[in-house]
Amino acid sequence: QFYIAVAPIGGTANAYDFFVQMLALPVILACFLGWKIWH
């Protein structure tokens, strides 16, 4: 996913598309840490 976000197939890389492609990673980390903090 990181590779596709950095070098998209048939397109040019830009910051917006990178963060959209890599959004799952911070969401997973936020959910995990949120659970640990909340409970």
PDB file of all heavy atoms in Angstrom:
ATOM      1  N   GLN A   1       0.836  -1.204   0.000  1.00  0.00           N
ATOM      2  CA  GLN A   1       0.000   0.000   0.000  1.00  0.00           C
ATOM      3  C   GLN A   1       0.873   1.256   0.000  1.00  0.00           C
ATOM      4  O   GLN A   1       0.577   2.231  -0.689  1.00  0.00           O
ATOM      5  CB  GLN A   1      -0.921  -0.012   1.222  1.00  0.00           C
ATOM      6  CG  GLN A   1      -1.971   1.051   1.189  1.00  0.00           C
ATOM      7  CD  GLN A   1      -2.963   0.845   0.061  1.00  0.00           C
ATOM      8  OE1 GLN A   1      -3.300  -0.281  -0.273  1.00  0.00           O
ATOM      9  NE2 GLN A   1      -3.407   1.920  -0.530  1.00  0.00           N
ATOM     10  N   PHE A   2       1.956   1.227   0.760  1.00  0.00           N
ATOM     11  CA  PHE A   2       2.881   2.360   0.782  1.00  0.00           C
ATOM     12  C   PHE A   2       3.512   2.565  -0.592  1.00  0.00           C
ATOM     13  O   PHE A   2       3.623   3.694  -1.079  1.00  0.00           O
ATOM     14  CB  PHE A   2       3.961   2.133   1.842  1.00  0.00           C
ATOM     15  CG  PHE A   2       4.963   3.237   1.916  1.00  0.00           C
ATOM     16  CD1 PHE A   2       4.650   4.433   2.544  1.00  0.00           C
ATOM     17  CD2 PHE A   2       6.219   3.095   1.345  1.00  0.00           C
ATOM     18  CE1 PHE A   2       5.580   5.460   2.603  1.00  0.00           C
ATOM     19  CE2 PHE A   2       7.148   4.115   1.392  1.00  0.00           C
ATOM     20  CZ  PHE A   2       6.825   5.303   2.030  1.00  0.00           C
ATOM     21  N   TYR A   3       3.919   1.466  -1.225  1.00  0.00           N
ATOM     22  CA  TYR A   3       4.540   1.559  -2.543  1.00  0.00           C
ATOM     23  C   TYR A   3       3.568   2.163  -3.560  1.00  0.00           C
ATOM     24  O   TYR A   3       3.942   3.034  -4.348  1.00  0.00           O
ATOM     25  CB  TYR A   3       5.010   0.176  -3.004  1.00  0.00           C
ATOM     26  CG  TYR A   3       5.621   0.184  -4.373  1.00  0.00           C
ATOM     27  CD1 TYR A   3       6.900   0.696  -4.575  1.00  0.00           C
ATOM     28  CD2 TYR A   3       4.918  -0.285  -5.474  1.00  0.00           C
ATOM     29  CE1 TYR A   3       7.464   0.710  -5.835  1.00  0.00           C
ATOM     30  CE2 TYR A   3       5.468  -0.264  -6.736  1.00  0.00           C
ATOM     31  CZ  TYR A   3       6.742   0.235  -6.914  1.00  0.00           C
ATOM     32  OH  TYR A   3       7.297   0.259  -8.169  1.00  0.00           O
ATOM     33  N   ILE A   4       2.323   1.697  -3.533  1.00  0.00           N
ATOM     34  CA  ILE A   4       1.317   2.234  -4.461  1.00  0.00           C
ATOM     35  C   ILE A   4       1.027   3.700  -4.153  1.00  0.00           C
ATOM     36  O   ILE A   4       0.777   4.502  -5.053  1.00  0.00           O
ATOM     37  CB  ILE A   4       0.022   1.401  -4.390  1.00  0.00           C
ATOM     38  CG1 ILE A   4       0.277  -0.015  -4.894  1.00  0.00           C
ATOM     39  CG2 ILE A   4      -1.107   2.036  -5.160  1.00  0.00           C
ATOM     40  CD1 ILE A   4       0.684  -0.101  -6.348  1.00  0.00           C
ATOM     41  N   ALA A   5       1.079   4.070  -2.882  1.00  0.00           N
ATOM     42  CA  ALA A   5       0.833   5.469  -2.519  1.00  0.00           C
ATOM     43  C   ALA A   5       1.976   6.373  -2.981  1.00  0.00           C
ATOM     44  O   ALA A   5       1.754   7.512  -3.386  1.00  0.00           O
ATOM     45  CB  ALA A   5       0.645   5.591  -1.012  1.00  0.00           C
ATOM     46  N   VAL A   6       3.205   5.859  -2.938  1.00  0.00           N
ATOM     47  CA  VAL A   6       4.367   6.657  -3.339  1.00  0.00           C
ATOM     48  C   VAL A   6       4.509   6.705  -4.856  1.00  0.00           C
ATOM     49  O   VAL A   6       4.819   7.756  -5.418  1.00  0.00           O
ATOM     50  CB  VAL A   6       5.658   6.086  -2.687  1.00  0.00           C
ATOM     51  CG1 VAL A   6       6.900   6.719  -3.268  1.00  0.00           C
ATOM     52  CG2 VAL A   6       5.624   6.297  -1.192  1.00  0.00           C
ATOM     53  N   ALA A   7       4.295   5.578  -5.505  1.00  0.00           N
ATOM     54  CA  ALA A   7       4.462   5.498  -6.965  1.00  0.00           C
ATOM     55  C   ALA A   7       3.208   4.876  -7.579  1.00  0.00           C
ATOM     56  O   ALA A   7       3.184   3.688  -7.884  1.00  0.00           O
ATOM     57  CB  ALA A   7       5.690   4.674  -7.310  1.00  0.00           C
ATOM     58  N   PRO A   8       2.127   5.661  -7.724  1.00  0.00           N
ATOM     59  CA  PRO A   8       0.885   5.094  -8.258  1.00  0.00           C
ATOM     60  C   PRO A   8       1.049   4.595  -9.687  1.00  0.00           C
ATOM     61  O   PRO A   8       1.773   5.180 -10.485  1.00  0.00           O
ATOM     62  CB  PRO A   8      -0.105   6.257  -8.180  1.00  0.00           C
ATOM     63  CG  PRO A   8       0.693   7.474  -7.980  1.00  0.00           C
ATOM     64  CD  PRO A   8       2.018   7.076  -7.440  1.00  0.00           C
ATOM     65  N   ILE A   9       0.351   3.529  -9.982  1.00  0.00           N
ATOM     66  CA  ILE A   9       0.416   2.930 -11.315  1.00  0.00           C
ATOM     67  C   ILE A   9      -0.375   3.805 -12.283  1.00  0.00           C
ATOM     68  O   ILE A   9      -1.549   4.089 -12.073  1.00  0.00           O
ATOM     69  CB  ILE A   9      -0.159   1.501 -11.292  1.00  0.00           C
ATOM     70  CG1 ILE A   9       0.675   0.637 -10.357  1.00  0.00           C
ATOM     71  CG2 ILE A   9      -0.208   0.911 -12.695  1.00  0.00           C
ATOM     72  CD1 ILE A   9       0.092  -0.723 -10.081  1.00  0.00           C
ATOM     73  N   GLY A  10       0.271   4.247 -13.327  1.00  0.00           N
ATOM     74  CA  GLY A  10      -0.399   5.051 -14.346  1.00  0.00           C
ATOM     75  C   GLY A  10      -0.767   6.450 -13.902  1.00  0.00           C
ATOM     76  O   GLY A  10      -1.660   7.069 -14.469  1.00  0.00           O
ATOM     77  N   GLY A  11      -0.123   6.967 -12.901  1.00  0.00           N
ATOM     78  CA  GLY A  11      -0.434   8.313 -12.432  1.00  0.00           C
ATOM     79  C   GLY A  11       0.789   8.984 -11.841  1.00  0.00           C
ATOM     80  O   GLY A  11       1.878   8.429 -11.821  1.00  0.00           O
ATOM     81  N   THR A  12       0.580  10.174 -11.359  1.00  0.00           N
ATOM     82  CA  THR A  12       1.671  10.901 -10.719  1.00  0.00           C
ATOM     83  C   THR A  12       1.408  10.983  -9.225  1.00  0.00           C
ATOM     84  O   THR A  12       0.262  11.056  -8.782  1.00  0.00           O
ATOM     85  CB  THR A  12       1.789  12.332 -11.291  1.00  0.00           C
ATOM     86  OG1 THR A  12       0.554  13.000 -11.088  1.00  0.00           O
ATOM     87  CG2 THR A  12       2.112  12.297 -12.766  1.00  0.00           C
ATOM     88  N   ALA A  13       2.468  10.952  -8.479  1.00  0.00           N
ATOM     89  CA  ALA A  13       2.342  10.992  -7.022  1.00  0.00           C
ATOM     90  C   ALA A  13       2.086  12.415  -6.556  1.00  0.00           C
ATOM     91  O   ALA A  13       2.682  13.368  -7.056  1.00  0.00           O
ATOM     92  CB  ALA A  13       3.616  10.458  -6.383  1.00  0.00           C
ATOM     93  N   ASN A  14       1.160  12.561  -5.628  1.00  0.00           N
ATOM     94  CA  ASN A  14       0.955  13.848  -4.969  1.00  0.00           C
ATOM     95  C   ASN A  14       0.592  13.588  -3.510  1.00  0.00           C
ATOM     96  O   ASN A  14       0.235  12.475  -3.127  1.00  0.00           O
ATOM     97  CB  ASN A  14      -0.100  14.700  -5.686  1.00  0.00           C
ATOM     98  CG  ASN A  14      -1.453  14.038  -5.729  1.00  0.00           C
ATOM     99  OD1 ASN A  14      -1.899  13.479  -4.749  1.00  0.00           O
ATOM    100  ND2 ASN A  14      -2.096  14.105  -6.885  1.00  0.00           N
ATOM    101  N   ALA A  15       0.701  14.591  -2.690  1.00  0.00           N
ATOM    102  CA  ALA A  15       0.527  14.441  -1.247  1.00  0.00           C
ATOM    103  C   ALA A  15      -0.896  14.008  -0.889  1.00  0.00           C
ATOM    104  O   ALA A  15      -1.087  13.149  -0.018  1.00  0.00           O
ATOM    105  CB  ALA A  15       0.874  15.746  -0.539  1.00  0.00           C
ATOM    106  N   TYR A  16      -1.909  14.572  -1.552  1.00  0.00           N
ATOM    107  CA  TYR A  16      -3.296  14.229  -1.235  1.00  0.00           C
ATOM    108  C   TYR A  16      -3.551  12.738  -1.450  1.00  0.00           C
ATOM    109  O   TYR A  16      -4.085  12.059  -0.565  1.00  0.00           O
ATOM    110  CB  TYR A  16      -4.260  15.059  -2.085  1.00  0.00           C
ATOM    111  CG  TYR A  16      -5.697  14.681  -1.859  1.00  0.00           C
ATOM    112  CD1 TYR A  16      -6.377  15.124  -0.733  1.00  0.00           C
ATOM    113  CD2 TYR A  16      -6.375  13.857  -2.760  1.00  0.00           C
ATOM    114  CE1 TYR A  16      -7.688  14.762  -0.511  1.00  0.00           C
ATOM    115  CE2 TYR A  16      -7.680  13.481  -2.545  1.00  0.00           C
ATOM    116  CZ  TYR A  16      -8.345  13.943  -1.418  1.00  0.00           C
ATOM    117  OH  TYR A  16      -9.638  13.571  -1.197  1.00  0.00           O
ATOM    118  N   ASP A  17      -3.165  12.222  -2.609  1.00  0.00           N
ATOM    119  CA  ASP A  17      -3.390  10.806  -2.901  1.00  0.00           C
ATOM    120  C   ASP A  17      -2.587   9.906  -1.964  1.00  0.00           C
ATOM    121  O   ASP A  17      -3.047   8.833  -1.573  1.00  0.00           O
ATOM    122  CB  ASP A  17      -3.039  10.489  -4.352  1.00  0.00           C
ATOM    123  CG  ASP A  17      -4.040  11.083  -5.326  1.00  0.00           C
ATOM    124  OD1 ASP A  17      -5.187  11.353  -4.911  1.00  0.00           O
ATOM    125  OD2 ASP A  17      -3.666  11.286  -6.506  1.00  0.00           O
ATOM    126  N   PHE A  18      -1.379  10.344  -1.592  1.00  0.00           N
ATOM    127  CA  PHE A  18      -0.583   9.572  -0.652  1.00  0.00           C
ATOM    128  C   PHE A  18      -1.318   9.409   0.675  1.00  0.00           C
ATOM    129  O   PHE A  18      -1.440   8.304   1.208  1.00  0.00           O
ATOM    130  CB  PHE A  18       0.782  10.221  -0.415  1.00  0.00           C
ATOM    131  CG  PHE A  18       1.586   9.546   0.651  1.00  0.00           C
ATOM    132  CD1 PHE A  18       2.304   8.399   0.351  1.00  0.00           C
ATOM    133  CD2 PHE A  18       1.607  10.032   1.942  1.00  0.00           C
ATOM    134  CE1 PHE A  18       3.049   7.750   1.335  1.00  0.00           C
ATOM    135  CE2 PHE A  18       2.343   9.398   2.928  1.00  0.00           C
ATOM    136  CZ  PHE A  18       3.059   8.255   2.619  1.00  0.00           C
ATOM    137  N   PHE A  19      -1.824  10.515   1.220  1.00  0.00           N
ATOM    138  CA  PHE A  19      -2.500  10.439   2.518  1.00  0.00           C
ATOM    139  C   PHE A  19      -3.827   9.702   2.429  1.00  0.00           C
ATOM    140  O   PHE A  19      -4.222   9.022   3.374  1.00  0.00           O
ATOM    141  CB  PHE A  19      -2.671  11.836   3.114  1.00  0.00           C
ATOM    142  CG  PHE A  19      -1.381  12.386   3.639  1.00  0.00           C
ATOM    143  CD1 PHE A  19      -0.739  13.420   2.983  1.00  0.00           C
ATOM    144  CD2 PHE A  19      -0.788  11.853   4.770  1.00  0.00           C
ATOM    145  CE1 PHE A  19       0.462  13.918   3.450  1.00  0.00           C
ATOM    146  CE2 PHE A  19       0.413  12.342   5.248  1.00  0.00           C
ATOM    147  CZ  PHE A  19       1.043  13.377   4.590  1.00  0.00           C
ATOM    148  N   VAL A  20      -4.510   9.786   1.303  1.00  0.00           N
ATOM    149  CA  VAL A  20      -5.747   9.025   1.132  1.00  0.00           C
ATOM    150  C   VAL A  20      -5.433   7.527   1.080  1.00  0.00           C
ATOM    151  O   VAL A  20      -6.118   6.707   1.700  1.00  0.00           O
ATOM    152  CB  VAL A  20      -6.505   9.471  -0.140  1.00  0.00           C
ATOM    153  CG1 VAL A  20      -7.607   8.503  -0.492  1.00  0.00           C
ATOM    154  CG2 VAL A  20      -7.068  10.870   0.051  1.00  0.00           C
ATOM    155  N   GLN A  21      -4.375   7.159   0.360  1.00  0.00           N
ATOM    156  CA  GLN A  21      -3.997   5.754   0.244  1.00  0.00           C
ATOM    157  C   GLN A  21      -3.501   5.177   1.573  1.00  0.00           C
ATOM    158  O   GLN A  21      -3.737   4.009   1.874  1.00  0.00           O
ATOM    159  CB  GLN A  21      -2.909   5.578  -0.820  1.00  0.00           C
ATOM    160  CG  GLN A  21      -3.354   5.868  -2.216  1.00  0.00           C
ATOM    161  CD  GLN A  21      -4.328   4.827  -2.727  1.00  0.00           C
ATOM    162  OE1 GLN A  21      -4.244   3.665  -2.356  1.00  0.00           O
ATOM    163  NE2 GLN A  21      -5.242   5.244  -3.561  1.00  0.00           N
ATOM    164  N   MET A  22      -2.812   5.977   2.355  1.00  0.00           N
ATOM    165  CA  MET A  22      -2.225   5.499   3.603  1.00  0.00           C
ATOM    166  C   MET A  22      -3.094   5.790   4.820  1.00  0.00           C
ATOM    167  O   MET A  22      -2.650   5.637   5.953  1.00  0.00           O
ATOM    168  CB  MET A  22      -0.839   6.120   3.804  1.00  0.00           C
ATOM    169  CG  MET A  22       0.211   5.639   2.829  1.00  0.00           C
ATOM    170  SD  MET A  22       0.430   3.848   2.829  1.00  0.00           S
ATOM    171  CE  MET A  22       1.072   3.572   4.454  1.00  0.00           C
ATOM    172  N   LEU A  23      -4.339   6.154   4.632  1.00  0.00           N
ATOM    173  CA  LEU A  23      -5.220   6.521   5.741  1.00  0.00           C
ATOM    174  C   LEU A  23      -5.500   5.346   6.679  1.00  0.00           C
ATOM    175  O   LEU A  23      -5.698   5.530   7.872  1.00  0.00           O
ATOM    176  CB  LEU A  23      -6.534   7.082   5.202  1.00  0.00           C
ATOM    177  CG  LEU A  23      -7.509   7.637   6.222  1.00  0.00           C
ATOM    178  CD1 LEU A  23      -6.851   8.778   6.988  1.00  0.00           C
ATOM    179  CD2 LEU A  23      -8.769   8.120   5.540  1.00  0.00           C
ATOM    180  N   ALA A  24      -5.498   4.140   6.171  1.00  0.00           N
ATOM    181  CA  ALA A  24      -5.823   2.972   7.000  1.00  0.00           C
ATOM    182  C   ALA A  24      -4.828   2.790   8.143  1.00  0.00           C
ATOM    183  O   ALA A  24      -5.228   2.431   9.254  1.00  0.00           O
ATOM    184  CB  ALA A  24      -5.873   1.717   6.147  1.00  0.00           C
ATOM    185  N   LEU A  25      -3.556   3.039   7.912  1.00  0.00           N
ATOM    186  CA  LEU A  25      -2.545   2.814   8.942  1.00  0.00           C
ATOM    187  C   LEU A  25      -2.770   3.702  10.171  1.00  0.00           C
ATOM    188  O   LEU A  25      -2.838   3.180  11.291  1.00  0.00           O
ATOM    189  CB  LEU A  25      -1.140   2.999   8.363  1.00  0.00           C
ATOM    190  CG  LEU A  25       0.012   2.645   9.273  1.00  0.00           C
ATOM    191  CD1 LEU A  25      -0.051   1.178   9.687  1.00  0.00           C
ATOM    192  CD2 LEU A  25       1.329   2.935   8.593  1.00  0.00           C
ATOM    193  N   PRO A  26      -2.920   5.025  10.032  1.00  0.00           N
ATOM    194  CA  PRO A  26      -3.164   5.819  11.236  1.00  0.00           C
ATOM    195  C   PRO A  26      -4.528   5.530  11.874  1.00  0.00           C
ATOM    196  O   PRO A  26      -4.667   5.640  13.093  1.00  0.00           O
ATOM    197  CB  PRO A  26      -3.063   7.269  10.771  1.00  0.00           C
ATOM    198  CG  PRO A  26      -3.102   7.239   9.306  1.00  0.00           C
ATOM    199  CD  PRO A  26      -2.692   5.879   8.870  1.00  0.00           C
ATOM    200  N   VAL A  27      -5.507   5.133  11.084  1.00  0.00           N
ATOM    201  CA  VAL A  27      -6.813   4.799  11.663  1.00  0.00           C
ATOM    202  C   VAL A  27      -6.691   3.554  12.536  1.00  0.00           C
ATOM    203  O   VAL A  27      -7.229   3.506  13.651  1.00  0.00           O
ATOM    204  CB  VAL A  27      -7.872   4.598  10.551  1.00  0.00           C
ATOM    205  CG1 VAL A  27      -9.127   3.962  11.094  1.00  0.00           C
ATOM    206  CG2 VAL A  27      -8.191   5.924   9.890  1.00  0.00           C
ATOM    207  N   ILE A  28      -5.979   2.545  12.059  1.00  0.00           N
ATOM    208  CA  ILE A  28      -5.779   1.329  12.854  1.00  0.00           C
ATOM    209  C   ILE A  28      -5.006   1.643  14.130  1.00  0.00           C
ATOM    210  O   ILE A  28      -5.368   1.195  15.220  1.00  0.00           O
ATOM    211  CB  ILE A  28      -5.050   0.259  12.021  1.00  0.00           C
ATOM    212  CG1 ILE A  28      -5.978  -0.259  10.933  1.00  0.00           C
ATOM    213  CG2 ILE A  28      -4.554  -0.885  12.893  1.00  0.00           C
ATOM    214  CD1 ILE A  28      -5.299  -1.131   9.914  1.00  0.00           C
ATOM    215  N   LEU A  29      -3.943   2.415  14.008  1.00  0.00           N
ATOM    216  CA  LEU A  29      -3.159   2.793  15.194  1.00  0.00           C
ATOM    217  C   LEU A  29      -3.983   3.619  16.173  1.00  0.00           C
ATOM    218  O   LEU A  29      -3.904   3.423  17.394  1.00  0.00           O
ATOM    219  CB  LEU A  29      -1.900   3.549  14.773  1.00  0.00           C
ATOM    220  CG  LEU A  29      -0.846   2.725  14.036  1.00  0.00           C
ATOM    221  CD1 LEU A  29       0.291   3.613  13.561  1.00  0.00           C
ATOM    222  CD2 LEU A  29      -0.337   1.598  14.912  1.00  0.00           C
ATOM    223  N   ALA A  30      -4.799   4.540  15.660  1.00  0.00           N
ATOM    224  CA  ALA A  30      -5.636   5.366  16.527  1.00  0.00           C
ATOM    225  C   ALA A  30      -6.678   4.515  17.253  1.00  0.00           C
ATOM    226  O   ALA A  30      -6.932   4.723  18.452  1.00  0.00           O
ATOM    227  CB  ALA A  30      -6.318   6.463  15.714  1.00  0.00           C
ATOM    228  N   CYS A  31      -7.270   3.565  16.565  1.00  0.00           N
ATOM    229  CA  CYS A  31      -8.246   2.671  17.211  1.00  0.00           C
ATOM    230  C   CYS A  31      -7.580   1.836  18.292  1.00  0.00           C
ATOM    231  O   CYS A  31      -8.121   1.689  19.397  1.00  0.00           O
ATOM    232  CB  CYS A  31      -8.917   1.777  16.181  1.00  0.00           C
ATOM    233  SG  CYS A  31     -10.062   2.623  15.097  1.00  0.00           S
ATOM    234  N   PHE A  32      -6.402   1.297  18.005  1.00  0.00           N
ATOM    235  CA  PHE A  32      -5.691   0.474  18.990  1.00  0.00           C
ATOM    236  C   PHE A  32      -5.309   1.301  20.216  1.00  0.00           C
ATOM    237  O   PHE A  32      -5.591   0.915  21.356  1.00  0.00           O
ATOM    238  CB  PHE A  32      -4.448  -0.136  18.348  1.00  0.00           C
ATOM    239  CG  PHE A  32      -3.601  -0.913  19.312  1.00  0.00           C
ATOM    240  CD1 PHE A  32      -4.012  -2.147  19.767  1.00  0.00           C
ATOM    241  CD2 PHE A  32      -2.393  -0.396  19.759  1.00  0.00           C
ATOM    242  CE1 PHE A  32      -3.235  -2.869  20.661  1.00  0.00           C
ATOM    243  CE2 PHE A  32      -1.615  -1.101  20.644  1.00  0.00           C
ATOM    244  CZ  PHE A  32      -2.029  -2.338  21.094  1.00  0.00           C
ATOM    245  N   LEU A  33      -4.678   2.448  19.983  1.00  0.00           N
ATOM    246  CA  LEU A  33      -4.267   3.285  21.113  1.00  0.00           C
ATOM    247  C   LEU A  33      -5.472   3.866  21.848  1.00  0.00           C
ATOM    248  O   LEU A  33      -5.453   3.992  23.074  1.00  0.00           O
ATOM    249  CB  LEU A  33      -3.339   4.400  20.622  1.00  0.00           C
ATOM    250  CG  LEU A  33      -1.980   3.908  20.107  1.00  0.00           C
ATOM    251  CD1 LEU A  33      -1.191   5.071  19.520  1.00  0.00           C
ATOM    252  CD2 LEU A  33      -1.203   3.221  21.198  1.00  0.00           C
ATOM    253  N   GLY A  34      -6.528   4.204  21.112  1.00  0.00           N
ATOM    254  CA  GLY A  34      -7.746   4.693  21.745  1.00  0.00           C
ATOM    255  C   GLY A  34      -8.339   3.658  22.683  1.00  0.00           C
ATOM    256  O   GLY A  34      -8.786   3.991  23.791  1.00  0.00           O
ATOM    257  N   TRP A  35      -8.360   2.407  22.260  1.00  0.00           N
ATOM    258  CA  TRP A  35      -8.857   1.327  23.114  1.00  0.00           C
ATOM    259  C   TRP A  35      -8.004   1.198  24.374  1.00  0.00           C
ATOM    260  O   TRP A  35      -8.532   1.058  25.476  1.00  0.00           O
ATOM    261  CB  TRP A  35      -8.846   0.013  22.336  1.00  0.00           C
ATOM    262  CG  TRP A  35      -9.234  -1.152  23.187  1.00  0.00           C
ATOM    263  CD1 TRP A  35      -8.416  -1.960  23.913  1.00  0.00           C
ATOM    264  CD2 TRP A  35     -10.559  -1.628  23.415  1.00  0.00           C
ATOM    265  NE1 TRP A  35      -9.141  -2.917  24.562  1.00  0.00           N
ATOM    266  CE2 TRP A  35     -10.470  -2.741  24.282  1.00  0.00           C
ATOM    267  CE3 TRP A  35     -11.813  -1.238  22.965  1.00  0.00           C
ATOM    268  CZ2 TRP A  35     -11.573  -3.448  24.702  1.00  0.00           C
ATOM    269  CZ3 TRP A  35     -12.914  -1.962  23.383  1.00  0.00           C
ATOM    270  CH2 TRP A  35     -12.788  -3.048  24.245  1.00  0.00           C
ATOM    271  N   LYS A  36      -6.685   1.229  24.195  1.00  0.00           N
ATOM    272  CA  LYS A  36      -5.788   1.087  25.341  1.00  0.00           C
ATOM    273  C   LYS A  36      -5.981   2.238  26.337  1.00  0.00           C
ATOM    274  O   LYS A  36      -5.978   2.017  27.547  1.00  0.00           O
ATOM    275  CB  LYS A  36      -4.327   1.054  24.885  1.00  0.00           C
ATOM    276  CG  LYS A  36      -3.942  -0.123  24.022  1.00  0.00           C
ATOM    277  CD  LYS A  36      -4.084  -1.424  24.718  1.00  0.00           C
ATOM    278  CE  LYS A  36      -2.808  -1.921  25.298  1.00  0.00           C
ATOM    279  NZ  LYS A  36      -2.983  -3.210  25.981  1.00  0.00           N
ATOM    280  N   ILE A  37      -6.163   3.447  25.825  1.00  0.00           N
ATOM    281  CA  ILE A  37      -6.329   4.612  26.707  1.00  0.00           C
ATOM    282  C   ILE A  37      -7.711   4.607  27.346  1.00  0.00           C
ATOM    283  O   ILE A  37      -7.855   4.832  28.547  1.00  0.00           O
ATOM    284  CB  ILE A  37      -6.071   5.908  25.918  1.00  0.00           C
ATOM    285  CG1 ILE A  37      -4.588   5.989  25.530  1.00  0.00           C
ATOM    286  CG2 ILE A  37      -6.493   7.129  26.718  1.00  0.00           C
ATOM    287  CD1 ILE A  37      -4.266   7.062  24.516  1.00  0.00           C
ATOM    288  N   TRP A  38      -8.747   4.355  26.551  1.00  0.00           N
ATOM    289  CA  TRP A  38     -10.126   4.414  27.050  1.00  0.00           C
ATOM    290  C   TRP A  38     -10.368   3.364  28.142  1.00  0.00           C
ATOM    291  O   TRP A  38     -10.977   3.652  29.163  1.00  0.00           O
ATOM    292  CB  TRP A  38     -11.101   4.207  25.899  1.00  0.00           C
ATOM    293  CG  TRP A  38     -12.535   4.293  26.321  1.00  0.00           C
ATOM    294  CD1 TRP A  38     -13.351   3.270  26.677  1.00  0.00           C
ATOM    295  CD2 TRP A  38     -13.315   5.477  26.431  1.00  0.00           C
ATOM    296  NE1 TRP A  38     -14.592   3.735  26.999  1.00  0.00           N
ATOM    297  CE2 TRP A  38     -14.599   5.105  26.861  1.00  0.00           C
ATOM    298  CE3 TRP A  38     -13.049   6.831  26.203  1.00  0.00           C
ATOM    299  CZ2 TRP A  38     -15.615   6.014  27.070  1.00  0.00           C
ATOM    300  CZ3 TRP A  38     -14.068   7.730  26.409  1.00  0.00           C
ATOM    301  CH2 TRP A  38     -15.326   7.328  26.833  1.00  0.00           C
ATOM    302  N   HIS A  39      -9.872   2.159  27.919  1.00  0.00           N
ATOM    303  CA  HIS A  39     -10.098   1.075  28.877  1.00  0.00           C
ATOM    304  C   HIS A  39      -8.967   0.941  29.891  1.00  0.00           C
ATOM    305  O   HIS A  39      -9.007   0.046  30.741  1.00  0.00           O
ATOM    306  CB  HIS A  39     -10.298  -0.249  28.135  1.00  0.00           C
ATOM    307  CG  HIS A  39     -11.565  -0.283  27.361  1.00  0.00           C
ATOM    308  ND1 HIS A  39     -12.782  -0.516  27.938  1.00  0.00           N
ATOM    309  CD2 HIS A  39     -11.819  -0.083  26.058  1.00  0.00           C
ATOM    310  CE1 HIS A  39     -13.729  -0.475  27.024  1.00  0.00           C
ATOM    311  NE2 HIS A  39     -13.158  -0.207  25.867  1.00  0.00           N
TER     312      HIS A  39
END
